[in-house]
PDB file of N, CA and C in Angstrom:
ATOM      1  N   MET A   1      15.638  -9.682 -17.724  1.00  0.00           N
ATOM      2  CA  MET A   1      14.272  -9.762 -17.239  1.00  0.00           C
ATOM      3  C   MET A   1      13.473  -8.634 -17.882  1.00  0.00           C
ATOM      4  N   GLY A   2      12.364  -8.944 -18.512  1.00  0.00           N
ATOM      5  CA  GLY A   2      11.555  -7.971 -19.217  1.00  0.00           C
ATOM      6  C   GLY A   2      10.589  -7.247 -18.308  1.00  0.00           C
ATOM      7  N   TYR A   3       9.778  -6.414 -18.922  1.00  0.00           N
ATOM      8  CA  TYR A   3       8.770  -5.640 -18.193  1.00  0.00           C
ATOM      9  C   TYR A   3       7.690  -6.569 -17.668  1.00  0.00           C
ATOM     10  N   GLU A   4       7.357  -6.408 -16.411  1.00  0.00           N
ATOM     11  CA  GLU A   4       6.291  -7.194 -15.796  1.00  0.00           C
ATOM     12  C   GLU A   4       5.157  -6.246 -15.422  1.00  0.00           C
ATOM     13  N   LYS A   5       4.016  -6.402 -16.065  1.00  0.00           N
ATOM     14  CA  LYS A   5       2.873  -5.533 -15.826  1.00  0.00           C
ATOM     15  C   LYS A   5       2.336  -5.768 -14.408  1.00  0.00           C
ATOM     16  N   PRO A   6       2.062  -4.680 -13.659  1.00  0.00           N
ATOM     17  CA  PRO A   6       1.517  -4.854 -12.313  1.00  0.00           C
ATOM     18  C   PRO A   6       0.104  -5.431 -12.370  1.00  0.00           C
ATOM     19  N   PRO A   7      -0.310  -6.120 -11.327  1.00  0.00           N
ATOM     20  CA  PRO A   7      -1.664  -6.692 -11.323  1.00  0.00           C
ATOM     21  C   PRO A   7      -2.726  -5.588 -11.257  1.00  0.00           C
ATOM     22  N   SER A   8      -3.922  -5.899 -11.725  1.00  0.00           N
ATOM     23  CA  SER A   8      -5.003  -4.911 -11.695  1.00  0.00           C
ATOM     24  C   SER A   8      -5.692  -4.878 -10.337  1.00  0.00           C
ATOM     25  N   SER A   9      -5.490  -5.926  -9.530  1.00  0.00           N
ATOM     26  CA  SER A   9      -6.045  -5.940  -8.174  1.00  0.00           C
ATOM     27  C   SER A   9      -5.110  -6.748  -7.271  1.00  0.00           C
ATOM     28  N   ILE A  10      -5.165  -6.435  -5.971  1.00  0.00           N
ATOM     29  CA  ILE A  10      -4.373  -7.178  -5.000  1.00  0.00           C
ATOM     30  C   ILE A  10      -5.242  -7.475  -3.787  1.00  0.00           C
ATOM     31  N   LYS A  11      -4.869  -8.464  -3.026  1.00  0.00           N
ATOM     32  CA  LYS A  11      -5.568  -8.800  -1.786  1.00  0.00           C
ATOM     33  C   LYS A  11      -5.181  -7.776  -0.719  1.00  0.00           C
ATOM     34  N   TRP A  12      -6.060  -7.544   0.242  1.00  0.00           N
ATOM     35  CA  TRP A  12      -5.767  -6.548   1.270  1.00  0.00           C
ATOM     36  C   TRP A  12      -4.554  -6.958   2.100  1.00  0.00           C
ATOM     37  N   ARG A  13      -4.355  -8.244   2.313  1.00  0.00           N
ATOM     38  CA  ARG A  13      -3.185  -8.689   3.085  1.00  0.00           C
ATOM     39  C   ARG A  13      -1.883  -8.363   2.349  1.00  0.00           C
ATOM     40  N   ASP A  14      -1.907  -8.470   1.020  1.00  0.00           N
ATOM     41  CA  ASP A  14      -0.728  -8.106   0.229  1.00  0.00           C
ATOM     42  C   ASP A  14      -0.474  -6.601   0.296  1.00  0.00           C
ATOM     43  N   ALA A  15      -1.533  -5.804   0.336  1.00  0.00           N
ATOM     44  CA  ALA A  15      -1.376  -4.355   0.475  1.00  0.00           C
ATOM     45  C   ALA A  15      -0.747  -4.026   1.824  1.00  0.00           C
ATOM     46  N   VAL A  16      -1.179  -4.711   2.872  1.00  0.00           N
ATOM     47  CA  VAL A  16      -0.612  -4.497   4.210  1.00  0.00           C
ATOM     48  C   VAL A  16       0.869  -4.857   4.219  1.00  0.00           C
ATOM     49  N   ARG A  17       1.221  -6.004   3.658  1.00  0.00           N
ATOM     50  CA  ARG A  17       2.632  -6.410   3.611  1.00  0.00           C
ATOM     51  C   ARG A  17       3.473  -5.414   2.816  1.00  0.00           C
ATOM     52  N   THR A  18       2.918  -4.907   1.736  1.00  0.00           N
ATOM     53  CA  THR A  18       3.654  -3.966   0.885  1.00  0.00           C
ATOM     54  C   THR A  18       3.922  -2.649   1.607  1.00  0.00           C
ATOM     55  N   VAL A  19       2.918  -2.100   2.292  1.00  0.00           N
ATOM     56  CA  VAL A  19       3.155  -0.833   2.990  1.00  0.00           C
ATOM     57  C   VAL A  19       4.128  -1.026   4.149  1.00  0.00           C
ATOM     58  N   LYS A  20       4.141  -2.220   4.740  1.00  0.00           N
ATOM     59  CA  LYS A  20       5.131  -2.503   5.787  1.00  0.00           C
ATOM     60  C   LYS A  20       6.538  -2.554   5.203  1.00  0.00           C
ATOM     61  N   VAL A  21       6.682  -3.137   4.011  1.00  0.00           N
ATOM     62  CA  VAL A  21       7.985  -3.157   3.336  1.00  0.00           C
ATOM     63  C   VAL A  21       8.456  -1.735   3.069  1.00  0.00           C
ATOM     64  N   LEU A  22       7.522  -0.845   2.776  1.00  0.00           N
ATOM     65  CA  LEU A  22       7.854   0.556   2.502  1.00  0.00           C
ATOM     66  C   LEU A  22       8.141   1.354   3.771  1.00  0.00           C
ATOM     67  N   GLY A  23       8.012   0.729   4.934  1.00  0.00           N
ATOM     68  CA  GLY A  23       8.361   1.391   6.186  1.00  0.00           C
ATOM     69  C   GLY A  23       7.194   1.922   6.987  1.00  0.00           C
ATOM     70  N   ALA A  24       5.983   1.589   6.604  1.00  0.00           N
ATOM     71  CA  ALA A  24       4.821   2.048   7.352  1.00  0.00           C
ATOM     72  C   ALA A  24       4.669   1.225   8.629  1.00  0.00           C
ATOM     73  N   VAL A  25       4.161   1.870   9.671  1.00  0.00           N
ATOM     74  CA  VAL A  25       3.924   1.182  10.941  1.00  0.00           C
ATOM     75  C   VAL A  25       2.426   1.151  11.225  1.00  0.00           C
ATOM     76  N   TYR A  26       1.989   0.064  11.830  1.00  0.00           N
ATOM     77  CA  TYR A  26       0.587  -0.123  12.168  1.00  0.00           C
ATOM     78  C   TYR A  26       0.189   0.857  13.263  1.00  0.00           C
ATOM     79  N   VAL A  27      -0.987   1.470  13.116  1.00  0.00           N
ATOM     80  CA  VAL A  27      -1.493   2.402  14.113  1.00  0.00           C
ATOM     81  C   VAL A  27      -2.686   1.796  14.845  1.00  0.00           C
ATOM     82  N   ARG A  28      -3.729   1.405  14.073  1.00  0.00           N
ATOM     83  CA  ARG A  28      -4.932   0.859  14.706  1.00  0.00           C
ATOM     84  C   ARG A  28      -5.876   0.260  13.662  1.00  0.00           C
ATOM     85  N   ASP A  29      -6.883  -0.432  14.163  1.00  0.00           N
ATOM     86  CA  ASP A  29      -8.026  -0.854  13.348  1.00  0.00           C
ATOM     87  C   ASP A  29      -9.172   0.079  13.698  1.00  0.00           C
ATOM     88  N   LYS A  30      -9.902   0.494  12.689  1.00  0.00           N
ATOM     89  CA  LYS A  30     -11.097   1.290  12.940  1.00  0.00           C
ATOM     90  C   LYS A  30     -12.149   0.811  11.957  1.00  0.00           C
ATOM     91  N   GLY A  31     -13.170   0.172  12.480  1.00  0.00           N
ATOM     92  CA  GLY A  31     -14.191  -0.401  11.608  1.00  0.00           C
ATOM     93  C   GLY A  31     -13.575  -1.492  10.757  1.00  0.00           C
ATOM     94  N   ASP A  32     -13.756  -1.391   9.459  1.00  0.00           N
ATOM     95  CA  ASP A  32     -13.195  -2.417   8.567  1.00  0.00           C
ATOM     96  C   ASP A  32     -11.960  -1.901   7.821  1.00  0.00           C
ATOM     97  N   HIS A  33     -11.202  -0.998   8.467  1.00  0.00           N
ATOM     98  CA  HIS A  33      -9.975  -0.464   7.876  1.00  0.00           C
ATOM     99  C   HIS A  33      -8.801  -0.646   8.834  1.00  0.00           C
ATOM    100  N   LYS A  34      -7.641  -0.878   8.278  1.00  0.00           N
ATOM    101  CA  LYS A  34      -6.398  -0.897   9.037  1.00  0.00           C
ATOM    102  C   LYS A  34      -5.677   0.411   8.739  1.00  0.00           C
ATOM    103  N   HIS A  35      -5.200   1.056   9.780  1.00  0.00           N
ATOM    104  CA  HIS A  35      -4.545   2.355   9.642  1.00  0.00           C
ATOM    105  C   HIS A  35      -3.054   2.209   9.914  1.00  0.00           C
ATOM    106  N   PHE A  36      -2.267   2.803   9.036  1.00  0.00           N
ATOM    107  CA  PHE A  36      -0.812   2.807   9.147  1.00  0.00           C
ATOM    108  C   PHE A  36      -0.337   4.235   8.984  1.00  0.00           C
ATOM    109  N   LYS A  37       0.926   4.488   9.362  1.00  0.00           N
ATOM    110  CA  LYS A  37       1.534   5.774   9.034  1.00  0.00           C
ATOM    111  C   LYS A  37       2.971   5.513   8.600  1.00  0.00           C
ATOM    112  N   ARG A  38       3.418   6.347   7.675  1.00  0.00           N
ATOM    113  CA  ARG A  38       4.765   6.226   7.124  1.00  0.00           C
ATOM    114  C   ARG A  38       5.436   7.581   7.218  1.00  0.00           C
ATOM    115  N   LYS A  39       6.531   7.637   7.992  1.00  0.00           N
ATOM    116  CA  LYS A  39       7.253   8.900   8.165  1.00  0.00           C
ATOM    117  C   LYS A  39       8.409   8.980   7.182  1.00  0.00           C
ATOM    118  N   THR A  40       8.540  10.156   6.570  1.00  0.00           N
ATOM    119  CA  THR A  40       9.648  10.431   5.658  1.00  0.00           C
ATOM    120  C   THR A  40      10.160  11.831   5.945  1.00  0.00           C
ATOM    121  N   ILE A  41      11.189  12.222   5.241  1.00  0.00           N
ATOM    122  CA  ILE A  41      11.716  13.576   5.366  1.00  0.00           C
ATOM    123  C   ILE A  41      10.659  14.596   4.962  1.00  0.00           C
ATOM    124  N   ARG A  42       9.840  14.238   3.985  1.00  0.00           N
ATOM    125  CA  ARG A  42       8.805  15.151   3.479  1.00  0.00           C
ATOM    126  C   ARG A  42       7.586  15.242   4.384  1.00  0.00           C
ATOM    127  N   GLY A  43       7.451  14.373   5.355  1.00  0.00           N
ATOM    128  CA  GLY A  43       6.301  14.419   6.254  1.00  0.00           C
ATOM    129  C   GLY A  43       5.802  13.032   6.614  1.00  0.00           C
ATOM    130  N   THR A  44       4.657  13.004   7.277  1.00  0.00           N
ATOM    131  CA  THR A  44       4.033  11.751   7.687  1.00  0.00           C
ATOM    132  C   THR A  44       2.865  11.457   6.765  1.00  0.00           C
ATOM    133  N   TYR A  45       2.798  10.229   6.279  1.00  0.00           N
ATOM    134  CA  TYR A  45       1.742   9.818   5.367  1.00  0.00           C
ATOM    135  C   TYR A  45       0.805   8.829   6.060  1.00  0.00           C
ATOM    136  N   PRO A  46      -0.464   9.206   6.304  1.00  0.00           N
ATOM    137  CA  PRO A  46      -1.421   8.251   6.843  1.00  0.00           C
ATOM    138  C   PRO A  46      -1.929   7.349   5.712  1.00  0.00           C
ATOM    139  N   ILE A  47      -2.030   6.070   5.991  1.00  0.00           N
ATOM    140  CA  ILE A  47      -2.456   5.102   4.981  1.00  0.00           C
ATOM    141  C   ILE A  47      -3.608   4.293   5.564  1.00  0.00           C
ATOM    142  N   GLN A  48      -4.696   4.188   4.825  1.00  0.00           N
ATOM    143  CA  GLN A  48      -5.855   3.403   5.244  1.00  0.00           C
ATOM    144  C   GLN A  48      -6.071   2.276   4.247  1.00  0.00           C
ATOM    145  N   ILE A  49      -6.171   1.059   4.769  1.00  0.00           N
ATOM    146  CA  ILE A  49      -6.388  -0.099   3.903  1.00  0.00           C
ATOM    147  C   ILE A  49      -7.664  -0.803   4.351  1.00  0.00           C
ATOM    148  N   PRO A  50      -8.667  -0.888   3.466  1.00  0.00           N
ATOM    149  CA  PRO A  50      -9.895  -1.588   3.836  1.00  0.00           C
ATOM    150  C   PRO A  50      -9.675  -3.100   3.863  1.00  0.00           C
ATOM    151  N   VAL A  51     -10.328  -3.734   4.819  1.00  0.00           N
ATOM    152  CA  VAL A  51     -10.243  -5.184   4.925  1.00  0.00           C
ATOM    153  C   VAL A  51     -11.384  -5.755   4.085  1.00  0.00           C
ATOM    154  N   SER A  52     -11.096  -5.964   2.804  1.00  0.00           N
ATOM    155  CA  SER A  52     -12.070  -6.536   1.879  1.00  0.00           C
ATOM    156  C   SER A  52     -11.339  -7.514   0.977  1.00  0.00           C
ATOM    157  N   ASN A  53     -12.063  -8.247   0.181  1.00  0.00           N
ATOM    158  CA  ASN A  53     -11.435  -9.281  -0.638  1.00  0.00           C
ATOM    159  C   ASN A  53     -10.372  -8.757  -1.580  1.00  0.00           C
ATOM    160  N   ASP A  54     -10.745  -7.918  -2.513  1.00  0.00           N
ATOM    161  CA  ASP A  54      -9.802  -7.396  -3.500  1.00  0.00           C
ATOM    162  C   ASP A  54      -9.774  -5.878  -3.471  1.00  0.00           C
ATOM    163  N   ILE A  55      -8.599  -5.322  -3.700  1.00  0.00           N
ATOM    164  CA  ILE A  55      -8.433  -3.876  -3.804  1.00  0.00           C
ATOM    165  C   ILE A  55      -8.019  -3.614  -5.242  1.00  0.00           C
ATOM    166  N   ASP A  56      -8.804  -2.801  -5.939  1.00  0.00           N
ATOM    167  CA  ASP A  56      -8.491  -2.529  -7.341  1.00  0.00           C
ATOM    168  C   ASP A  56      -8.916  -1.122  -7.728  1.00  0.00           C
ATOM    169  N   GLY A  57      -8.656  -0.754  -8.948  1.00  0.00           N
ATOM    170  CA  GLY A  57      -9.105   0.512  -9.517  1.00  0.00           C
ATOM    171  C   GLY A  57      -8.637   1.737  -8.750  1.00  0.00           C
ATOM    172  N   ASP A  58      -9.571   2.660  -8.539  1.00  0.00           N
ATOM    173  CA  ASP A  58      -9.254   3.922  -7.880  1.00  0.00           C
ATOM    174  C   ASP A  58      -8.803   3.723  -6.442  1.00  0.00           C
ATOM    175  N   LEU A  59      -9.322   2.706  -5.770  1.00  0.00           N
ATOM    176  CA  LEU A  59      -8.923   2.435  -4.394  1.00  0.00           C
ATOM    177  C   LEU A  59      -7.446   2.043  -4.331  1.00  0.00           C
ATOM    178  N   LEU A  60      -7.019   1.206  -5.252  1.00  0.00           N
ATOM    179  CA  LEU A  60      -5.608   0.807  -5.310  1.00  0.00           C
ATOM    180  C   LEU A  60      -4.724   2.017  -5.624  1.00  0.00           C
ATOM    181  N   LYS A  61      -5.156   2.854  -6.553  1.00  0.00           N
ATOM    182  CA  LYS A  61      -4.407   4.072  -6.882  1.00  0.00           C
ATOM    183  C   LYS A  61      -4.308   4.990  -5.668  1.00  0.00           C
ATOM    184  N   SER A  62      -5.388   5.080  -4.898  1.00  0.00           N
ATOM    185  CA  SER A  62      -5.403   5.918  -3.711  1.00  0.00           C
ATOM    186  C   SER A  62      -4.417   5.414  -2.661  1.00  0.00           C
ATOM    187  N   ILE A  63      -4.368   4.119  -2.450  1.00  0.00           N
ATOM    188  CA  ILE A  63      -3.437   3.549  -1.471  1.00  0.00           C
ATOM    189  C   ILE A  63      -1.996   3.811  -1.900  1.00  0.00           C
ATOM    190  N   ILE A  64      -1.708   3.650  -3.185  1.00  0.00           N
ATOM    191  CA  ILE A  64      -0.358   3.938  -3.693  1.00  0.00           C
ATOM    192  C   ILE A  64      -0.019   5.406  -3.449  1.00  0.00           C
ATOM    193  N   ARG A  65      -0.952   6.304  -3.708  1.00  0.00           N
ATOM    194  CA  ARG A  65      -0.733   7.734  -3.503  1.00  0.00           C
ATOM    195  C   ARG A  65      -0.512   8.037  -2.011  1.00  0.00           C
ATOM    196  N   GLN A  66      -1.253   7.364  -1.131  1.00  0.00           N
ATOM    197  CA  GLN A  66      -1.138   7.580   0.309  1.00  0.00           C
ATOM    198  C   GLN A  66       0.238   7.182   0.850  1.00  0.00           C
ATOM    199  N   THR A  67       0.907   6.244   0.193  1.00  0.00           N
ATOM    200  CA  THR A  67       2.220   5.810   0.670  1.00  0.00           C
ATOM    201  C   THR A  67       3.293   6.859   0.448  1.00  0.00           C
ATOM    202  N   GLY A  68       3.077   7.764  -0.501  1.00  0.00           N
ATOM    203  CA  GLY A  68       4.047   8.811  -0.771  1.00  0.00           C
ATOM    204  C   GLY A  68       5.214   8.367  -1.634  1.00  0.00           C
ATOM    205  N   VAL A  69       5.092   7.221  -2.282  1.00  0.00           N
ATOM    206  CA  VAL A  69       6.145   6.741  -3.188  1.00  0.00           C
ATOM    207  C   VAL A  69       5.573   6.664  -4.604  1.00  0.00           C
ATOM    208  N   SER A  70       6.448   6.497  -5.569  1.00  0.00           N
ATOM    209  CA  SER A  70       5.990   6.373  -6.950  1.00  0.00           C
ATOM    210  C   SER A  70       5.348   4.997  -7.161  1.00  0.00           C
ATOM    211  N   LYS A  71       4.602   4.878  -8.251  1.00  0.00           N
ATOM    212  CA  LYS A  71       3.991   3.595  -8.593  1.00  0.00           C
ATOM    213  C   LYS A  71       5.068   2.527  -8.765  1.00  0.00           C
ATOM    214  N   LYS A  72       6.173   2.932  -9.415  1.00  0.00           N
ATOM    215  CA  LYS A  72       7.268   1.996  -9.658  1.00  0.00           C
ATOM    216  C   LYS A  72       7.845   1.472  -8.335  1.00  0.00           C
ATOM    217  N   GLU A  73       8.051   2.363  -7.364  1.00  0.00           N
ATOM    218  CA  GLU A  73       8.569   1.947  -6.057  1.00  0.00           C
ATOM    219  C   GLU A  73       7.574   1.043  -5.331  1.00  0.00           C
ATOM    220  N   PHE A  74       6.285   1.378  -5.429  1.00  0.00           N
ATOM    221  CA  PHE A  74       5.259   0.560  -4.773  1.00  0.00           C
ATOM    222  C   PHE A  74       5.264  -0.860  -5.327  1.00  0.00           C
ATOM    223  N   TRP A  75       5.286  -0.994  -6.654  1.00  0.00           N
ATOM    224  CA  TRP A  75       5.235  -2.326  -7.254  1.00  0.00           C
ATOM    225  C   TRP A  75       6.528  -3.106  -7.022  1.00  0.00           C
ATOM    226  N   LYS A  76       7.636  -2.393  -6.898  1.00  0.00           N
ATOM    227  CA  LYS A  76       8.893  -3.070  -6.554  1.00  0.00           C
ATOM    228  C   LYS A  76       8.791  -3.648  -5.142  1.00  0.00           C
ATOM    229  N   ALA A  77       8.257  -2.877  -4.214  1.00  0.00           N
ATOM    230  CA  ALA A  77       8.065  -3.361  -2.846  1.00  0.00           C
ATOM    231  C   ALA A  77       7.053  -4.510  -2.824  1.00  0.00           C
ATOM    232  N   TYR A  78       6.015  -4.425  -3.641  1.00  0.00           N
ATOM    233  CA  TYR A  78       4.994  -5.481  -3.723  1.00  0.00           C
ATOM    234  C   TYR A  78       5.634  -6.808  -4.149  1.00  0.00           C
ATOM    235  N   ARG A  79       6.530  -6.761  -5.113  1.00  0.00           N
ATOM    236  CA  ARG A  79       7.171  -7.984  -5.578  1.00  0.00           C
ATOM    237  C   ARG A  79       8.159  -8.532  -4.563  1.00  0.00           C
ATOM    238  N   ASN A  80       8.688  -7.674  -3.684  1.00  0.00           N
ATOM    239  CA  ASN A  80       9.678  -8.093  -2.698  1.00  0.00           C
ATOM    240  C   ASN A  80       9.087  -8.332  -1.318  1.00  0.00           C
ATOM    241  N   LYS A  81       7.771  -8.356  -1.201  1.00  0.00           N
ATOM    242  CA  LYS A  81       7.132  -8.495   0.116  1.00  0.00           C
ATOM    243  C   LYS A  81       7.460  -9.771   0.830  1.00  0.00           C
TER     244      LYS A  81
END
């Protein structure tokens, strides 16, 4: 199996499923954002996902950073959602 380039944008529901695969738990809705938290040995990571059509660019990078995992781990979880 060769290299599969990650998508440039994802739907917010796919982002929610992916952070759940990574072990994040739902905390609350506030306005048009869903809030999750992910606990690890290194600490607790708060994750905010806006409820909008597509998540791309810097916003997608920010969500990946908020999860506390590498890009490679995030995209692996995304494919296994």
